[in-house]
C-alpha atoms as a PDB file:
ATOM      1  CA  UNK A   1       0.001  -0.005  -0.011  1.00  0.00           C
ATOM      2  CA  UNK A   2       1.365   3.264  -0.935  1.00  0.00           C
ATOM      3  CA  UNK A   3       0.377   6.372   1.050  1.00  0.00           C
ATOM      4  CA  UNK A   4      -0.293   9.498  -0.643  1.00  0.00           C
ATOM      5  CA  UNK A   5       1.418  12.413   0.785  1.00  0.00           C
ATOM      6  CA  UNK A   6       0.023  15.852   0.673  1.00  0.00           C
ATOM      7  CA  UNK A   7       2.756  18.402   0.116  1.00  0.00           C
ATOM      8  CA  UNK A   8       2.774  21.445   2.305  1.00  0.00           C
ATOM      9  CA  UNK A   9       3.924  24.647   0.791  1.00  0.00           C
ATOM     10  CA  UNK A  10       7.550  25.463   1.620  1.00  0.00           C
ATOM     11  CA  UNK A  11       6.489  28.720   3.197  1.00  0.00           C
ATOM     12  CA  UNK A  12       4.190  27.034   5.661  1.00  0.00           C
ATOM     13  CA  UNK A  13       5.393  27.082   9.197  1.00  0.00           C
ATOM     14  CA  UNK A  14       3.377  23.934   9.849  1.00  0.00           C
ATOM     15  CA  UNK A  15       4.954  21.986   6.960  1.00  0.00           C
ATOM     16  CA  UNK A  16       6.179  18.870   8.714  1.00  0.00           C
ATOM     17  CA  UNK A  17       7.040  15.642   7.053  1.00  0.00           C
ATOM     18  CA  UNK A  18       3.975  13.341   7.089  1.00  0.00           C
ATOM     19  CA  UNK A  19       1.649  15.766   8.958  1.00  0.00           C
ATOM     20  CA  UNK A  20      -1.358  16.954   7.086  1.00  0.00           C
ATOM     21  CA  UNK A  21      -2.562  20.405   8.092  1.00  0.00           C
ATOM     22  CA  UNK A  22      -6.115  21.285   7.311  1.00  0.00           C
ATOM     23  CA  UNK A  23      -7.011  24.968   6.904  1.00  0.00           C
ATOM     24  CA  UNK A  24     -10.142  26.046   8.799  1.00  0.00           C
ATOM     25  CA  UNK A  25     -13.177  26.422   6.665  1.00  0.00           C
ATOM     26  CA  UNK A  26     -15.544  29.378   6.636  1.00  0.00           C
ATOM     27  CA  UNK A  27     -18.509  28.695   8.911  1.00  0.00           C
ATOM     28  CA  UNK A  28     -21.709  30.143   7.266  1.00  0.00           C
ATOM     29  CA  UNK A  29     -24.709  28.356   8.826  1.00  0.00           C
ATOM     30  CA  UNK A  30     -23.630  28.777  12.422  1.00  0.00           C
ATOM     31  CA  UNK A  31     -22.868  32.504  11.903  1.00  0.00           C
ATOM     32  CA  UNK A  32     -26.064  33.445  10.026  1.00  0.00           C
ATOM     33  CA  UNK A  33     -28.218  34.196  13.171  1.00  0.00           C
ATOM     34  CA  UNK A  34     -25.418  36.125  14.927  1.00  0.00           C
ATOM     35  CA  UNK A  35     -24.829  38.016  11.621  1.00  0.00           C
ATOM     36  CA  UNK A  36     -28.479  39.163  11.570  1.00  0.00           C
ATOM     37  CA  UNK A  37     -28.111  40.304  15.159  1.00  0.00           C
ATOM     38  CA  UNK A  38     -24.947  42.197  14.253  1.00  0.00           C
ATOM     39  CA  UNK A  39     -26.674  43.958  11.327  1.00  0.00           C
ATOM     40  CA  UNK A  40     -29.637  44.916  13.591  1.00  0.00           C
ATOM     41  CA  UNK A  41     -27.507  46.208  16.466  1.00  0.00           C
ATOM     42  CA  UNK A  42     -25.074  48.106  14.302  1.00  0.00           C
ATOM     43  CA  UNK A  43     -27.944  49.664  12.325  1.00  0.00           C
ATOM     44  CA  UNK A  44     -29.472  51.041  15.492  1.00  0.00           C
ATOM     45  CA  UNK A  45     -26.210  52.939  16.159  1.00  0.00           C
ATOM     46  CA  UNK A  46     -27.455  55.363  13.480  1.00  0.00           C
ATOM     47  CA  UNK A  47     -30.062  56.987  15.784  1.00  0.00           C
ATOM     48  CA  UNK A  48     -27.579  58.274  18.446  1.00  0.00           C
ATOM     49  CA  UNK A  49     -25.114  59.277  15.779  1.00  0.00           C
ATOM     50  CA  UNK A  50     -27.765  61.286  13.935  1.00  0.00           C
ATOM     51  CA  UNK A  51     -28.863  62.931  17.198  1.00  0.00           C
ATOM     52  CA  UNK A  52     -25.249  63.790  18.085  1.00  0.00           C
ATOM     53  CA  UNK A  53     -24.721  65.258  14.593  1.00  0.00           C
ATOM     54  CA  UNK A  54     -27.761  67.450  14.969  1.00  0.00           C
ATOM     55  CA  UNK A  55     -26.368  68.825  18.156  1.00  0.00           C
ATOM     56  CA  UNK A  56     -22.783  69.346  16.814  1.00  0.00           C
ATOM     57  CA  UNK A  57     -23.455  70.498  13.225  1.00  0.00           C
ATOM     58  CA  UNK A  58     -23.583  74.344  13.049  1.00  0.00           C
ATOM     59  CA  UNK A  59     -26.714  76.069  11.693  1.00  0.00           C
ATOM     60  CA  UNK A  60     -26.393  78.530   8.778  1.00  0.00           C
ATOM     61  CA  UNK A  61     -27.511  82.056   9.654  1.00  0.00           C
ATOM     62  CA  UNK A  62     -29.481  83.798   6.964  1.00  0.00           C
ATOM     63  CA  UNK A  63     -31.051  87.115   6.393  1.00  0.00           C
ATOM     64  CA  UNK A  64     -34.645  87.176   5.218  1.00  0.00           C
ATOM     65  CA  UNK A  65     -34.919  89.203   2.082  1.00  0.00           C
ATOM     66  CA  UNK A  66     -38.189  90.469   0.476  1.00  0.00           C
ATOM     67  CA  UNK A  67     -39.489  89.462  -2.887  1.00  0.00           C
ATOM     68  CA  UNK A  68     -37.936  86.608  -4.908  1.00  0.00           C
ATOM     69  CA  UNK A  69     -34.624  86.678  -3.097  1.00  0.00           C
ATOM     70  CA  UNK A  70     -36.018  84.579  -0.214  1.00  0.00           C
ATOM     71  CA  UNK A  71     -33.173  84.055   2.257  1.00  0.00           C
ATOM     72  CA  UNK A  72     -29.509  84.793   1.731  1.00  0.00           C
ATOM     73  CA  UNK A  73     -26.697  83.519   3.898  1.00  0.00           C
ATOM     74  CA  UNK A  74     -24.669  85.983   5.878  1.00  0.00           C
ATOM     75  CA  UNK A  75     -21.011  86.453   4.918  1.00  0.00           C
ATOM     76  CA  UNK A  76     -18.890  83.307   5.670  1.00  0.00           C
ATOM     77  CA  UNK A  77     -21.997  81.435   6.941  1.00  0.00           C
ATOM     78  CA  UNK A  78     -22.115  79.317   3.765  1.00  0.00           C
ATOM     79  CA  UNK A  79     -19.029  77.558   5.048  1.00  0.00           C
ATOM     80  CA  UNK A  80     -21.101  75.821   7.655  1.00  0.00           C
ATOM     81  CA  UNK A  81     -22.340  73.502   4.843  1.00  0.00           C
ATOM     82  CA  UNK A  82     -18.904  72.027   4.728  1.00  0.00           C
ATOM     83  CA  UNK A  83     -18.668  71.957   8.598  1.00  0.00           C
ATOM     84  CA  UNK A  84     -21.850  69.932   8.750  1.00  0.00           C
ATOM     85  CA  UNK A  85     -20.548  67.430   6.298  1.00  0.00           C
ATOM     86  CA  UNK A  86     -17.135  67.288   8.021  1.00  0.00           C
ATOM     87  CA  UNK A  87     -18.806  66.675  11.404  1.00  0.00           C
ATOM     88  CA  UNK A  88     -20.963  63.858   9.838  1.00  0.00           C
ATOM     89  CA  UNK A  89     -17.881  62.237   8.257  1.00  0.00           C
ATOM     90  CA  UNK A  90     -15.895  62.384  11.580  1.00  0.00           C
ATOM     91  CA  UNK A  91     -18.793  60.915  13.463  1.00  0.00           C
ATOM     92  CA  UNK A  92     -19.081  58.153  10.820  1.00  0.00           C
ATOM     93  CA  UNK A  93     -15.299  57.441  11.125  1.00  0.00           C
ATOM     94  CA  UNK A  94     -15.609  57.174  14.872  1.00  0.00           C
ATOM     95  CA  UNK A  95     -18.612  54.877  14.664  1.00  0.00           C
ATOM     96  CA  UNK A  96     -16.850  52.696  12.041  1.00  0.00           C
ATOM     97  CA  UNK A  97     -13.816  52.313  14.375  1.00  0.00           C
ATOM     98  CA  UNK A  98     -16.053  51.447  17.298  1.00  0.00           C
ATOM     99  CA  UNK A  99     -18.109  48.949  15.294  1.00  0.00           C
ATOM    100  CA  UNK A 100     -15.038  47.346  13.730  1.00  0.00           C
ATOM    101  CA  UNK A 101     -13.390  46.830  17.135  1.00  0.00           C
ATOM    102  CA  UNK A 102     -16.468  45.636  18.939  1.00  0.00           C
ATOM    103  CA  UNK A 103     -17.367  43.121  16.232  1.00  0.00           C
ATOM    104  CA  UNK A 104     -13.810  41.909  16.221  1.00  0.00           C
ATOM    105  CA  UNK A 105     -14.193  41.169  19.927  1.00  0.00           C
ATOM    106  CA  UNK A 106     -16.913  38.666  19.147  1.00  0.00           C
ATOM    107  CA  UNK A 107     -14.195  35.998  19.150  1.00  0.00           C
ATOM    108  CA  UNK A 108     -16.451  33.046  18.683  1.00  0.00           C
ATOM    109  CA  UNK A 109     -17.906  34.519  15.429  1.00  0.00           C
ATOM    110  CA  UNK A 110     -14.921  36.028  13.695  1.00  0.00           C
ATOM    111  CA  UNK A 111     -14.822  35.615   9.930  1.00  0.00           C
ATOM    112  CA  UNK A 112     -16.157  36.869   6.633  1.00  0.00           C
ATOM    113  CA  UNK A 113     -19.817  36.365   7.478  1.00  0.00           C
ATOM    114  CA  UNK A 114     -19.642  38.717  10.482  1.00  0.00           C
ATOM    115  CA  UNK A 115     -17.520  41.207   8.536  1.00  0.00           C
ATOM    116  CA  UNK A 116     -20.134  41.391   5.811  1.00  0.00           C
ATOM    117  CA  UNK A 117     -22.851  41.718   8.523  1.00  0.00           C
ATOM    118  CA  UNK A 118     -20.928  44.546  10.194  1.00  0.00           C
ATOM    119  CA  UNK A 119     -20.385  46.411   6.969  1.00  0.00           C
ATOM    120  CA  UNK A 120     -24.073  45.990   5.906  1.00  0.00           C
ATOM    121  CA  UNK A 121     -25.132  47.211   9.394  1.00  0.00           C
ATOM    122  CA  UNK A 122     -22.804  50.169   9.006  1.00  0.00           C
ATOM    123  CA  UNK A 123     -24.343  51.109   5.671  1.00  0.00           C
ATOM    124  CA  UNK A 124     -27.804  51.045   7.219  1.00  0.00           C
ATOM    125  CA  UNK A 125     -26.553  52.873  10.321  1.00  0.00           C
ATOM    126  CA  UNK A 126     -24.997  55.672   8.294  1.00  0.00           C
ATOM    127  CA  UNK A 127     -28.126  56.036   6.203  1.00  0.00           C
ATOM    128  CA  UNK A 128     -30.243  56.084   9.344  1.00  0.00           C
ATOM    129  CA  UNK A 129     -27.912  58.591  10.954  1.00  0.00           C
ATOM    130  CA  UNK A 130     -28.280  60.875   7.877  1.00  0.00           C
ATOM    131  CA  UNK A 131     -32.047  60.672   7.875  1.00  0.00           C
ATOM    132  CA  UNK A 132     -32.483  60.991  11.653  1.00  0.00           C
ATOM    133  CA  UNK A 133     -29.901  63.718  11.896  1.00  0.00           C
ATOM    134  CA  UNK A 134     -31.553  65.883   9.266  1.00  0.00           C
ATOM    135  CA  UNK A 135     -34.908  65.261  11.003  1.00  0.00           C
ATOM    136  CA  UNK A 136     -33.576  66.147  14.471  1.00  0.00           C
ATOM    137  CA  UNK A 137     -31.852  69.227  13.133  1.00  0.00           C
ATOM    138  CA  UNK A 138     -34.963  70.317  11.254  1.00  0.00           C
ATOM    139  CA  UNK A 139     -36.974  70.112  14.429  1.00  0.00           C
ATOM    140  CA  UNK A 140     -34.363  71.893  16.429  1.00  0.00           C
ATOM    141  CA  UNK A 141     -34.148  74.880  14.072  1.00  0.00           C
ATOM    142  CA  UNK A 142     -37.820  74.984  13.066  1.00  0.00           C
ATOM    143  CA  UNK A 143     -39.222  78.506  12.335  1.00  0.00           C
ATOM    144  CA  UNK A 144     -42.638  78.648  13.984  1.00  0.00           C
ATOM    145  CA  UNK A 145     -43.892  81.967  12.630  1.00  0.00           C
ATOM    146  CA  UNK A 146     -43.045  83.855   9.454  1.00  0.00           C
ATOM    147  CA  UNK A 147     -40.078  86.031   9.959  1.00  0.00           C
ATOM    148  CA  UNK A 148     -40.002  89.746   9.008  1.00  0.00           C
ATOM    149  CA  UNK A 149     -37.895  91.079   6.166  1.00  0.00           C
ATOM    150  CA  UNK A 150     -34.413  91.812   7.412  1.00  0.00           C
ATOM    151  CA  UNK A 151     -34.496  89.337  10.312  1.00  0.00           C
ATOM    152  CA  UNK A 152     -31.609  86.928  10.771  1.00  0.00           C
ATOM    153  CA  UNK A 153     -32.759  83.337  11.131  1.00  0.00           C
ATOM    154  CA  UNK A 154     -30.871  80.064  11.740  1.00  0.00           C
ATOM    155  CA  UNK A 155     -31.450  77.480   9.067  1.00  0.00           C
ATOM    156  CA  UNK A 156     -30.951  73.789   9.991  1.00  0.00           C
ATOM    157  CA  UNK A 157     -27.742  72.179   8.914  1.00  0.00           C
ATOM    158  CA  UNK A 158     -27.959  70.078   5.718  1.00  0.00           C
ATOM    159  CA  UNK A 159     -25.926  67.323   4.133  1.00  0.00           C
ATOM    160  CA  UNK A 160     -25.619  67.951   0.413  1.00  0.00           C
ATOM    161  CA  UNK A 161     -24.153  64.649  -0.591  1.00  0.00           C
ATOM    162  CA  UNK A 162     -25.169  61.060   0.034  1.00  0.00           C
ATOM    163  CA  UNK A 163     -21.525  59.908  -0.350  1.00  0.00           C
ATOM    164  CA  UNK A 164     -20.970  60.712   3.327  1.00  0.00           C
ATOM    165  CA  UNK A 165     -22.796  57.461   4.102  1.00  0.00           C
ATOM    166  CA  UNK A 166     -19.665  55.511   2.984  1.00  0.00           C
ATOM    167  CA  UNK A 167     -17.407  56.692   5.774  1.00  0.00           C
ATOM    168  CA  UNK A 168     -18.715  54.342   8.446  1.00  0.00           C
ATOM    169  CA  UNK A 169     -18.855  51.082   6.460  1.00  0.00           C
ATOM    170  CA  UNK A 170     -15.453  51.606   4.884  1.00  0.00           C
ATOM    171  CA  UNK A 171     -13.841  52.396   8.283  1.00  0.00           C
ATOM    172  CA  UNK A 172     -15.576  49.305   9.775  1.00  0.00           C
ATOM    173  CA  UNK A 173     -14.186  47.075   7.007  1.00  0.00           C
ATOM    174  CA  UNK A 174     -10.762  48.634   7.377  1.00  0.00           C
ATOM    175  CA  UNK A 175     -10.567  48.261  11.174  1.00  0.00           C
ATOM    176  CA  UNK A 176     -11.850  44.634  11.022  1.00  0.00           C
ATOM    177  CA  UNK A 177      -9.429  43.820   8.242  1.00  0.00           C
ATOM    178  CA  UNK A 178      -6.431  45.272  10.099  1.00  0.00           C
ATOM    179  CA  UNK A 179      -7.345  43.324  13.161  1.00  0.00           C
ATOM    180  CA  UNK A 180      -7.517  40.143  11.075  1.00  0.00           C
ATOM    181  CA  UNK A 181      -4.100  40.931   9.553  1.00  0.00           C
ATOM    182  CA  UNK A 182      -2.682  41.665  12.959  1.00  0.00           C
ATOM    183  CA  UNK A 183      -4.069  38.421  14.269  1.00  0.00           C
ATOM    184  CA  UNK A 184      -2.422  36.406  11.527  1.00  0.00           C
ATOM    185  CA  UNK A 185      -3.976  33.078  12.518  1.00  0.00           C
ATOM    186  CA  UNK A 186      -5.814  30.968   9.940  1.00  0.00           C
ATOM    187  CA  UNK A 187      -8.841  30.531  12.217  1.00  0.00           C
ATOM    188  CA  UNK A 188      -8.692  34.135  13.404  1.00  0.00           C
ATOM    189  CA  UNK A 189      -8.529  32.852  16.971  1.00  0.00           C
ATOM    190  CA  UNK A 190     -12.152  31.515  16.988  1.00  0.00           C
ATOM    191  CA  UNK A 191     -13.070  29.478  20.028  1.00  0.00           C
ATOM    192  CA  UNK A 192     -15.922  27.499  18.478  1.00  0.00           C
ATOM    193  CA  UNK A 193     -15.777  25.352  15.366  1.00  0.00           C
END
């Protein structure tokens, strides 16, 4: 009887003569329910992020003009459009770092299924943060009665681009990926099989 030997790559630290090393496989079925939980919990993070953005984003002060002019921003106040976007991006980056680290700490479920769930949850979270933040800010700076001509009013901060939603999921994927690279174990240190 001749035994078939499986050759280990020369670069493998576990390449021993006659020892077969099996790489861990991706666990999908066991990770589906925890992945749904991760998507749900991460998505709910969007509500406090949106509320925090509505508190931190500066309003734009505008002077009420008569006729067709409507409202015109005061000098240098139009820069607050960028400030609102920058605050949202920074909050998204911070949330992405937090999500990536916390999901990495779920040691029993580490792997690509949970990574995809965290990124999906981050997309929903960032979208929810944008929608809720605009809603909270609109309520905070609501004008209850028509202003007189020449009055200075504060307009709610706005987000003029939807691309800001990508900050949180990209940061989540980057942090999780960096943790996986730093770990350098084939099974990512999972405790369960």
